[in-house]
Protein backbone atom coordinates (compact mmCIF):
# COMPACT_ATOMS: atom_id res chain seq x y z
CA MET A 1 0.00 0.00 0.00
CA HIS A 2 1.36 3.43 -1.01
CA SER A 3 1.83 6.14 1.60
CA SER A 4 -1.06 8.18 0.17
CA GLU A 5 -3.36 5.17 0.40
CA THR A 6 -2.24 4.60 3.99
CA ILE A 7 -2.96 8.20 4.91
CA ASN A 8 -6.37 8.03 3.25
CA ALA A 9 -7.17 4.83 5.14
CA ILE A 10 -6.20 6.46 8.46
CA LEU A 11 -8.25 9.57 7.68
CA ASP A 12 -11.19 7.38 6.70
CA ALA A 13 -10.89 5.52 10.03
CA PHE A 14 -10.86 8.76 12.04
CA SER A 15 -13.77 10.21 10.04
CA VAL A 16 -16.09 7.96 12.04
CA LEU A 17 -15.49 10.19 15.07
CA GLY A 18 -16.97 13.18 13.22
CA MET A 19 -20.11 11.32 12.25
CA GLY A 20 -23.17 12.39 14.22
CA THR A 21 -22.43 12.66 17.94
CA ASN A 22 -19.85 9.86 18.12
CA PHE A 23 -17.10 11.95 19.68
CA LEU A 24 -19.49 13.57 22.16
CA ARG A 25 -20.73 10.11 23.10
CA LEU A 26 -17.14 9.06 23.86
CA LEU A 27 -16.69 12.14 26.04
CA GLY A 28 -19.91 11.27 27.85
CA GLY A 29 -18.64 7.74 28.39
CA LEU A 30 -15.37 9.12 29.72
CA TRP A 31 -17.31 11.21 32.24
CA VAL A 32 -19.12 8.07 33.46
CA THR A 33 -15.73 6.42 33.96
CA VAL A 34 -14.28 9.42 35.82
CA TRP A 35 -17.48 9.87 37.88
CA ILE A 36 -17.41 6.25 39.10
CA ALA A 37 -13.73 6.64 40.00
CA LEU A 38 -14.22 9.97 41.81
CA VAL A 39 -17.19 8.77 43.88
CA SER A 40 -15.31 5.58 44.77
CA VAL A 41 -12.21 7.56 45.72
CA ALA A 42 -14.25 9.94 47.91
CA PHE A 43 -15.72 7.02 49.87
CA SER A 44 -12.34 5.26 49.92
CA ILE A 45 -10.59 8.26 51.47
CA ILE A 46 -13.15 8.58 54.26
CA LEU A 47 -13.38 4.85 55.03
CA GLY A 48 -9.69 4.26 54.36
CA PHE A 49 -8.69 6.84 56.93
CA GLY A 50 -10.74 5.03 59.55
CA LEU A 51 -9.33 1.66 58.51
CA GLY A 52 -5.78 3.00 58.60
CA MET A 53 -6.23 4.20 62.16
CA LEU A 54 -7.65 0.83 63.17
CA MET A 55 -4.62 -0.90 61.63
CA THR A 56 -2.31 1.06 63.93
CA ARG A 57 -4.08 -0.14 67.08
CA LYS A 58 -2.29 -2.59 69.34
CA ASN A 59 -5.30 -4.94 69.45
CA LYS A 60 -4.00 -8.10 67.73
CA PHE A 61 -7.46 -9.41 66.84
CA LEU A 62 -8.47 -6.11 65.23
CA LYS A 63 -5.19 -5.89 63.32
CA ALA A 64 -5.65 -9.47 62.09
CA ILE A 65 -9.15 -8.71 60.76
CA CYS A 66 -7.88 -5.61 58.97
CA LYS A 67 -4.95 -7.58 57.52
CA ILE A 68 -7.25 -10.31 56.20
CA TYR A 69 -9.53 -7.73 54.59
CA LEU A 70 -6.54 -5.99 52.99
CA GLU A 71 -5.12 -9.22 51.59
CA ILE A 72 -8.50 -10.35 50.20
CA MET A 73 -8.97 -7.05 48.39
CA ARG A 74 -5.44 -7.21 46.99
CA ILE A 75 -5.52 -10.85 45.90
CA MET A 76 -9.05 -11.00 44.48
CA PRO A 77 -9.23 -9.64 40.89
CA GLN A 78 -11.53 -6.63 40.54
CA MET A 79 -13.45 -8.35 37.75
CA VAL A 80 -14.35 -11.24 40.06
CA LEU A 81 -15.46 -8.78 42.73
CA LEU A 82 -17.63 -6.99 40.17
CA PHE A 83 -19.32 -10.23 39.17
CA VAL A 84 -19.87 -11.19 42.81
CA ALA A 85 -21.38 -7.78 43.61
CA TYR A 86 -23.50 -7.45 40.46
CA TYR A 87 -24.70 -11.01 40.00
CA GLY A 88 -24.13 -12.65 43.39
CA LEU A 89 -25.53 -10.04 45.78
CA THR A 90 -28.59 -9.35 43.64
CA ARG A 91 -29.59 -13.01 43.59
CA MET A 92 -28.56 -13.85 47.16
CA PHE A 93 -30.41 -10.96 48.79
CA ASN A 94 -32.97 -10.33 46.03
CA ILE A 95 -32.01 -6.68 45.65
CA SER A 96 -31.86 -4.45 42.61
CA LEU A 97 -28.30 -3.24 42.09
CA SER A 98 -27.34 -1.26 39.00
CA GLY A 99 -24.02 -1.70 37.26
CA GLU A 100 -22.90 1.74 38.44
CA ALA A 101 -23.83 0.99 42.06
CA ALA A 102 -22.07 -2.38 41.95
CA SER A 103 -18.98 -0.75 40.45
CA ILE A 104 -18.86 1.98 43.09
CA LEU A 105 -19.32 -0.64 45.83
CA VAL A 106 -16.46 -2.80 44.54
CA PHE A 107 -14.05 0.06 43.88
CA THR A 108 -14.85 1.56 47.28
CA LEU A 109 -14.09 -1.73 49.02
CA TRP A 110 -10.86 -2.07 47.06
CA GLY A 111 -9.92 1.59 47.46
CA THR A 112 -10.66 1.51 51.20
CA ALA A 113 -8.21 -1.36 51.65
CA GLU A 114 -5.48 0.35 49.63
CA MET A 115 -6.08 3.76 51.20
CA GLY A 116 -6.16 2.21 54.65
CA ASP A 117 -2.73 0.72 54.11
CA LEU A 118 -1.42 4.08 52.88
CA VAL A 119 -2.85 5.81 55.95
CA ARG A 120 -1.33 3.16 58.22
CA GLY A 121 2.08 3.68 56.65
CA SER A 122 1.79 7.46 56.91
CA LEU A 123 0.71 7.33 60.55
CA GLU A 124 3.53 4.97 61.47
CA SER A 125 6.07 7.14 59.65
CA VAL A 126 5.55 10.01 62.09
CA PRO A 127 8.67 9.97 64.32
CA GLN A 128 8.22 9.12 68.00
CA HIS A 129 9.93 12.35 69.06
CA GLN A 130 6.97 14.26 67.58
CA TYR A 131 4.70 12.59 70.13
CA ASP A 132 7.22 13.21 72.89
CA SER A 133 7.55 16.87 71.93
CA GLY A 134 3.77 17.29 72.03
CA ARG A 135 3.56 15.73 75.48
CA ALA A 136 6.40 17.92 76.67
CA LEU A 137 4.39 20.97 75.60
CA GLY A 138 1.46 19.75 77.69
CA LEU A 139 -0.76 18.67 74.79
CA THR A 140 -3.27 15.90 75.28
CA GLU A 141 -3.15 12.74 73.15
CA ARG A 142 -6.12 14.04 71.16
CA GLN A 143 -4.41 17.37 70.51
CA ILE A 144 -1.20 15.61 69.50
CA PHE A 145 -3.15 13.50 67.03
CA PHE A 146 -5.10 16.36 65.43
CA TYR A 147 -2.45 19.10 65.49
CA ILE A 148 0.77 17.14 64.95
CA VAL A 149 0.10 13.67 63.55
CA ILE A 150 -2.75 14.38 61.11
CA PRO A 151 -1.03 17.32 59.28
CA GLN A 152 2.13 15.24 58.75
CA THR A 153 0.07 12.24 57.67
CA LEU A 154 -1.85 14.26 55.09
CA ARG A 155 1.40 15.77 53.81
CA SER A 156 2.77 12.35 52.85
CA LEU A 157 -0.61 10.86 51.94
CA ILE A 158 -1.78 13.25 49.22
CA PRO A 159 0.83 12.34 46.55
CA LEU A 160 0.39 8.63 47.31
CA SER A 161 -3.39 8.87 46.99
CA MET A 162 -2.99 10.38 43.50
CA ASN A 163 -1.39 7.14 42.37
CA LEU A 164 -4.36 5.19 43.74
CA ILE A 165 -6.81 7.48 41.93
CA THR A 166 -4.94 6.92 38.65
CA ARG A 167 -5.03 3.15 39.13
CA MET A 168 -8.74 3.29 39.91
CA ILE A 169 -9.54 5.30 36.78
CA LYS A 170 -7.69 2.77 34.61
CA THR A 171 -9.37 -0.16 36.33
CA THR A 172 -12.86 1.27 35.78
CA SER A 173 -12.65 -0.02 32.21
CA LEU A 174 -13.78 -3.35 33.71
CA VAL A 175 -17.25 -2.00 34.51
CA VAL A 176 -18.24 -2.67 30.91
CA PHE A 177 -18.66 -6.33 31.95
CA VAL A 178 -21.52 -5.47 34.32
CA GLY A 179 -23.47 -3.44 31.78
CA VAL A 180 -22.20 0.06 32.51
CA ILE A 181 -22.29 2.24 29.39
CA GLU A 182 -18.90 3.93 29.76
CA VAL A 183 -16.26 5.00 27.26
CA VAL A 184 -15.09 1.50 26.22
CA LYS A 185 -18.66 0.26 25.75
CA ILE A 186 -19.59 3.30 23.69
CA GLY A 187 -16.46 2.77 21.60
CA GLN A 188 -17.53 -0.81 20.92
CA GLN A 189 -21.00 0.41 19.91
CA ILE A 190 -19.51 2.92 17.46
CA ILE A 191 -17.24 0.27 15.93
CA GLU A 192 -20.09 -2.23 15.61
CA GLY A 193 -22.44 0.38 14.11
CA ASN A 194 -19.90 1.24 11.38
CA ARG A 195 -18.48 -2.24 10.87
CA LEU A 196 -19.57 -2.47 7.23
CA THR A 197 -18.97 1.12 6.08
CA LYS A 198 -15.85 1.85 8.18
CA PRO A 199 -14.06 -1.47 8.78
CA THR A 200 -10.96 0.29 10.15
CA ALA A 201 -12.91 2.42 12.63
CA SER A 202 -11.61 0.39 15.57
CA ILE A 203 -8.12 1.85 15.04
CA ALA A 204 -9.36 5.42 15.47
CA VAL A 205 -11.86 4.70 18.25
CA TYR A 206 -9.46 2.77 20.46
CA PHE A 207 -6.70 5.30 19.83
CA VAL A 208 -8.97 8.12 21.01
CA ILE A 209 -10.02 6.08 24.07
CA PHE A 210 -6.34 5.46 24.85
CA MET A 211 -5.60 9.18 24.58
CA MET A 212 -8.54 10.02 26.85
CA TYR A 213 -7.29 7.67 29.56
CA PHE A 214 -3.75 8.94 29.05
CA LEU A 215 -4.69 12.61 29.38
CA VAL A 216 -6.75 12.10 32.54
CA CYS A 217 -4.02 10.03 34.23
CA TRP A 218 -1.28 12.37 32.98
CA ILE A 219 -3.03 15.40 34.49
CA LEU A 220 -3.31 13.58 37.82
CA SER A 221 0.36 12.62 37.60
CA LEU A 222 1.34 16.26 37.00
CA LEU A 223 -0.83 17.33 39.92
CA ALA A 224 0.89 14.78 42.19
CA ARG A 225 4.32 16.05 41.12
CA TYR A 226 3.25 19.63 41.71
CA ILE A 227 2.04 18.82 45.22
CA GLU A 228 5.28 16.99 46.00
CA LYS A 229 7.35 19.96 44.83
CA LYS A 230 5.26 22.37 46.90
CA GLN A 231 5.71 20.20 49.97
CA LYS A 232 9.49 20.14 49.59
CA LYS A 233 9.73 23.93 49.63
């Protein structure tokens, strides 16, 4: 194939994005993906902070329960968890659970475990002399926690949480398997709808989807770097 024919084939593949509202539909699907990730992250931060504090307790039984939960969430593939939540819970308890709700539930459970471990690490990284200095100043344990420990924990936690958010956004592509109409599903619909007239449309559609994921994650990565630089000053 000559170079001109190759270019024409590529342009023909990308022309499918300008047909009707195809590109706007992809953007709408991207928003569904980002929305599921953001809601899950919001819940994960709140619950993960509580879990992280529980994991620092000296109660061996409580720490064992938290450790088991963390390992289950890390070992179990997210796709399996999605199927369990979407198909298993609905049949077991006879409840109506949408694909979006099941996705948020699963990603929250997973994100809580990961965030909890990050919080635990951040809390344990606070040097002991910080506690001793607070007590020497006459602060109560509660005041030490809120005025000394929490600010230092958040300082180290924010850049780490950005990495978790990026991972969660990329993993949300799995929600297509539980019927959520997000960016990958819409891309498949566009490809299938133009299969006969635009047989090479998949090249353009999946390239655009890749770029959408890349841009969102890249922006988050830049934000994390910016926060780290600000903290070092």
